[in-house]
Amino acid sequence: MPHLNITPFTCTVAVQDVSIPEIINEANHYLSHLKKNGIALHVDEYFYALTLDETISNAVNHGNLHDPHKRVLIEIGPCKGKLQITVRDEGDGFDPSHVPDPLSPENRRRRGGADSTYCDTWHGCAGTVRETALS
C-alpha cells in the first residue's frame, strides 16, 4: 500500500561534496520521521546506515571513480511495504551477473561484490544500486 502523504528523501551531491556521515545523519532524521508516522517500524537503524554507507561509497569510488564533475543521487522512500533506497551514479555501470557470488565458500574472504547481494533486503530495507547516468 503506497504512502501518498510521505515525501521521499532525495539528495543529489557532486562527488567532491559527498559527506557520507552528513547524508546518513539527514537520512536518519528522515527514518525517524517515518517511524513517528507508523511507517518503516521494522527497519533496523544499523543496517539502514550500513546500506547507505556502502552504496554511497561504492557510487563515489567505483561508479564515479572520484570524478569531481560527477554526481550521486540518493532517494529513500516507502515502497511496497519496505523502505526503498536507491543510489545512482554517473559511472559506466556493471553487469551484476559477472560478480562472483560472495556467499559461496571460495569467495567468502574475497573482497568485492558483496553489496550487490546483501543490499537487496537488509532488515526491511530494499537497497537498490543503479549504475546509470543521471538525467
C-alpha atoms as a PDB file:
ATOM      1  CA  MET A   1       0.000   0.000   0.000  1.00  0.00           C
ATOM      2  CA  PRO A   2       1.648   3.293  -1.071  1.00  0.00           C
ATOM      3  CA  HIS A   3       2.015   6.095   1.441  1.00  0.00           C
ATOM      4  CA  LEU A   4       0.764   9.050  -0.571  1.00  0.00           C
ATOM      5  CA  ASN A   5       1.430  11.734   2.059  1.00  0.00           C
ATOM      6  CA  ILE A   6       5.086  10.863   2.599  1.00  0.00           C
ATOM      7  CA  THR A   7       7.634  12.800   0.576  1.00  0.00           C
ATOM      8  CA  PRO A   8      10.713  10.747  -0.324  1.00  0.00           C
ATOM      9  CA  PHE A   9      14.136  11.790   0.934  1.00  0.00           C
ATOM     10  CA  THR A  10      16.175  12.994  -2.041  1.00  0.00           C
ATOM     11  CA  CYS A  11      19.751  14.194  -2.076  1.00  0.00           C
ATOM     12  CA  THR A  12      21.966  14.928  -5.087  1.00  0.00           C
ATOM     13  CA  VAL A  13      25.605  15.789  -4.445  1.00  0.00           C
ATOM     14  CA  ALA A  14      28.725  16.304  -6.512  1.00  0.00           C
ATOM     15  CA  VAL A  15      31.447  13.754  -5.796  1.00  0.00           C
ATOM     16  CA  GLN A  16      33.768  16.357  -4.253  1.00  0.00           C
ATOM     17  CA  ASP A  17      30.975  17.439  -1.882  1.00  0.00           C
ATOM     18  CA  VAL A  18      29.917  13.984  -0.673  1.00  0.00           C
ATOM     19  CA  SER A  19      29.973  13.732   3.116  1.00  0.00           C
ATOM     20  CA  ILE A  20      28.648  10.274   3.864  1.00  0.00           C
ATOM     21  CA  PRO A  21      28.240  10.913   7.628  1.00  0.00           C
ATOM     22  CA  GLU A  22      26.176  14.054   6.909  1.00  0.00           C
ATOM     23  CA  ILE A  23      23.990  12.221   4.383  1.00  0.00           C
ATOM     24  CA  ILE A  24      23.453   9.343   6.809  1.00  0.00           C
ATOM     25  CA  ASN A  25      22.570  11.827   9.567  1.00  0.00           C
ATOM     26  CA  GLU A  26      19.947  13.502   7.331  1.00  0.00           C
ATOM     27  CA  ALA A  27      18.644  10.087   6.242  1.00  0.00           C
ATOM     28  CA  ASN A  28      18.373   9.004   9.897  1.00  0.00           C
ATOM     29  CA  HIS A  29      16.188  12.055  10.598  1.00  0.00           C
ATOM     30  CA  TYR A  30      14.011  11.002   7.663  1.00  0.00           C
ATOM     31  CA  LEU A  31      13.743   7.455   9.056  1.00  0.00           C
ATOM     32  CA  SER A  32      12.792   8.854  12.477  1.00  0.00           C
ATOM     33  CA  HIS A  33      10.078  10.938  10.799  1.00  0.00           C
ATOM     34  CA  LEU A  34       8.733   7.843   9.050  1.00  0.00           C
ATOM     35  CA  LYS A  35       8.718   5.819  12.269  1.00  0.00           C
ATOM     36  CA  LYS A  36       6.883   8.591  14.127  1.00  0.00           C
ATOM     37  CA  ASN A  37       4.206   8.286  11.440  1.00  0.00           C
ATOM     38  CA  GLY A  38       3.975   4.499  11.841  1.00  0.00           C
ATOM     39  CA  ILE A  39       5.973   3.743   8.673  1.00  0.00           C
ATOM     40  CA  ALA A  40       9.149   1.637   8.406  1.00  0.00           C
ATOM     41  CA  LEU A  41       8.846   0.471  12.003  1.00  0.00           C
ATOM     42  CA  HIS A  42      10.583  -2.776  11.083  1.00  0.00           C
ATOM     43  CA  VAL A  43      13.686  -1.083   9.626  1.00  0.00           C
ATOM     44  CA  ASP A  44      16.828  -1.705  11.667  1.00  0.00           C
ATOM     45  CA  GLU A  45      18.770   1.562  12.028  1.00  0.00           C
ATOM     46  CA  TYR A  46      22.181  -0.144  11.985  1.00  0.00           C
ATOM     47  CA  PHE A  47      21.572  -1.957   8.696  1.00  0.00           C
ATOM     48  CA  TYR A  48      19.895   1.132   7.250  1.00  0.00           C
ATOM     49  CA  ALA A  49      23.007   3.238   7.922  1.00  0.00           C
ATOM     50  CA  LEU A  50      25.295   0.428   6.746  1.00  0.00           C
ATOM     51  CA  THR A  51      23.342   0.119   3.492  1.00  0.00           C
ATOM     52  CA  LEU A  52      23.661   3.863   2.897  1.00  0.00           C
ATOM     53  CA  ASP A  53      27.355   3.919   3.772  1.00  0.00           C
ATOM     54  CA  GLU A  54      28.228   1.021   1.467  1.00  0.00           C
ATOM     55  CA  THR A  55      26.122   2.063  -1.518  1.00  0.00           C
ATOM     56  CA  ILE A  56      27.169   5.726  -1.431  1.00  0.00           C
ATOM     57  CA  SER A  57      30.830   4.735  -1.019  1.00  0.00           C
ATOM     58  CA  ASN A  58      30.535   2.384  -3.991  1.00  0.00           C
ATOM     59  CA  ALA A  59      28.894   5.092  -6.112  1.00  0.00           C
ATOM     60  CA  VAL A  60      31.714   7.548  -5.364  1.00  0.00           C
ATOM     61  CA  ASN A  61      34.631   5.079  -5.505  1.00  0.00           C
ATOM     62  CA  HIS A  62      33.626   2.537  -8.143  1.00  0.00           C
ATOM     63  CA  GLY A  63      30.857   4.221 -10.117  1.00  0.00           C
ATOM     64  CA  ASN A  64      32.094   7.781 -10.450  1.00  0.00           C
ATOM     65  CA  LEU A  65      35.776   6.926  -9.841  1.00  0.00           C
ATOM     66  CA  HIS A  66      36.144  10.058  -7.659  1.00  0.00           C
ATOM     67  CA  ASP A  67      35.473  12.286 -10.688  1.00  0.00           C
ATOM     68  CA  PRO A  68      34.661  15.700  -9.146  1.00  0.00           C
ATOM     69  CA  HIS A  69      32.385  16.566 -12.082  1.00  0.00           C
ATOM     70  CA  LYS A  70      30.061  13.610 -11.475  1.00  0.00           C
ATOM     71  CA  ARG A  71      27.104  13.433  -9.104  1.00  0.00           C
ATOM     72  CA  VAL A  72      25.495  10.881  -6.812  1.00  0.00           C
ATOM     73  CA  LEU A  73      21.723  10.779  -6.277  1.00  0.00           C
ATOM     74  CA  ILE A  74      20.237   9.208  -3.139  1.00  0.00           C
ATOM     75  CA  GLU A  75      16.483   8.566  -2.875  1.00  0.00           C
ATOM     76  CA  ILE A  76      14.738   6.919   0.077  1.00  0.00           C
ATOM     77  CA  GLY A  77      11.049   6.260   0.449  1.00  0.00           C
ATOM     78  CA  PRO A  78       8.384   3.701   1.331  1.00  0.00           C
ATOM     79  CA  CYS A  79       7.655   1.210  -1.442  1.00  0.00           C
ATOM     80  CA  LYS A  80       5.534  -1.959  -1.298  1.00  0.00           C
ATOM     81  CA  GLY A  81       5.787  -2.352   2.464  1.00  0.00           C
ATOM     82  CA  LYS A  82       9.547  -1.763   2.586  1.00  0.00           C
ATOM     83  CA  LEU A  83      11.853   1.192   2.609  1.00  0.00           C
ATOM     84  CA  GLN A  84      13.492   1.526  -0.788  1.00  0.00           C
ATOM     85  CA  ILE A  85      16.955   3.043  -1.014  1.00  0.00           C
ATOM     86  CA  THR A  86      18.145   4.000  -4.483  1.00  0.00           C
ATOM     87  CA  VAL A  87      21.667   5.257  -5.113  1.00  0.00           C
ATOM     88  CA  ARG A  88      22.549   6.358  -8.638  1.00  0.00           C
ATOM     89  CA  ASP A  89      25.879   7.462 -10.016  1.00  0.00           C
ATOM     90  CA  GLU A  90      27.196   8.596 -13.376  1.00  0.00           C
ATOM     91  CA  GLY A  91      29.575   5.693 -13.924  1.00  0.00           C
ATOM     92  CA  ASP A  92      29.707   3.244 -16.812  1.00  0.00           C
ATOM     93  CA  GLY A  93      27.857   0.557 -14.858  1.00  0.00           C
ATOM     94  CA  PHE A  94      28.492  -3.143 -14.477  1.00  0.00           C
ATOM     95  CA  ASP A  95      26.783  -6.434 -15.155  1.00  0.00           C
ATOM     96  CA  PRO A  96      25.844  -7.987 -11.773  1.00  0.00           C
ATOM     97  CA  SER A  97      25.828 -11.447 -13.351  1.00  0.00           C
ATOM     98  CA  HIS A  98      29.622 -11.124 -13.704  1.00  0.00           C
ATOM     99  CA  VAL A  99      30.102 -10.541  -9.970  1.00  0.00           C
ATOM    100  CA  PRO A 100      31.123 -13.761  -8.165  1.00  0.00           C
ATOM    101  CA  ASP A 101      28.655 -14.991  -5.534  1.00  0.00           C
ATOM    102  CA  PRO A 102      30.080 -13.581  -2.263  1.00  0.00           C
ATOM    103  CA  LEU A 103      28.226 -16.242  -0.271  1.00  0.00           C
ATOM    104  CA  SER A 104      29.951 -19.198  -1.934  1.00  0.00           C
ATOM    105  CA  PRO A 105      32.714 -20.724   0.257  1.00  0.00           C
ATOM    106  CA  GLU A 106      35.518 -19.898  -2.202  1.00  0.00           C
ATOM    107  CA  ASN A 107      34.560 -16.203  -2.244  1.00  0.00           C
ATOM    108  CA  ARG A 108      33.815 -15.514   1.422  1.00  0.00           C
ATOM    109  CA  ARG A 109      37.199 -13.953   2.128  1.00  0.00           C
ATOM    110  CA  ARG A 110      37.420 -12.268  -1.263  1.00  0.00           C
ATOM    111  CA  ARG A 111      36.764  -8.518  -1.404  1.00  0.00           C
ATOM    112  CA  GLY A 112      34.173  -7.016  -3.729  1.00  0.00           C
ATOM    113  CA  GLY A 113      30.705  -7.874  -4.921  1.00  0.00           C
ATOM    114  CA  ALA A 114      29.024  -8.417  -1.570  1.00  0.00           C
ATOM    115  CA  ASP A 115      26.969  -5.240  -1.721  1.00  0.00           C
ATOM    116  CA  SER A 116      25.040  -6.291  -4.810  1.00  0.00           C
ATOM    117  CA  THR A 117      23.855  -9.373  -2.927  1.00  0.00           C
ATOM    118  CA  TYR A 118      23.439  -8.092   0.610  1.00  0.00           C
ATOM    119  CA  CYS A 119      21.803  -4.789  -0.284  1.00  0.00           C
ATOM    120  CA  ASP A 120      18.757  -6.483  -1.703  1.00  0.00           C
ATOM    121  CA  THR A 121      16.864  -6.917   1.552  1.00  0.00           C
ATOM    122  CA  TRP A 122      18.562  -5.901   4.782  1.00  0.00           C
ATOM    123  CA  HIS A 123      16.114  -5.978   7.649  1.00  0.00           C
ATOM    124  CA  GLY A 124      13.241  -4.275   5.885  1.00  0.00           C
ATOM    125  CA  CYS A 125      15.304  -2.054   3.609  1.00  0.00           C
ATOM    126  CA  ALA A 126      15.251  -2.736  -0.075  1.00  0.00           C
ATOM    127  CA  GLY A 127      18.554  -1.347  -1.266  1.00  0.00           C
ATOM    128  CA  THR A 128      18.855  -0.644  -4.952  1.00  0.00           C
ATOM    129  CA  VAL A 129      22.083   0.351  -6.617  1.00  0.00           C
ATOM    130  CA  ARG A 130      21.613   1.522 -10.175  1.00  0.00           C
ATOM    131  CA  GLU A 131      24.823   2.262 -12.013  1.00  0.00           C
ATOM    132  CA  THR A 132      23.210   4.539 -14.605  1.00  0.00           C
ATOM    133  CA  ALA A 133      23.756   8.119 -15.684  1.00  0.00           C
ATOM    134  CA  LEU A 134      21.670  10.829 -14.071  1.00  0.00           C
ATOM    135  CA  SER A 135      19.460  12.864 -16.349  1.00  0.00           C
END
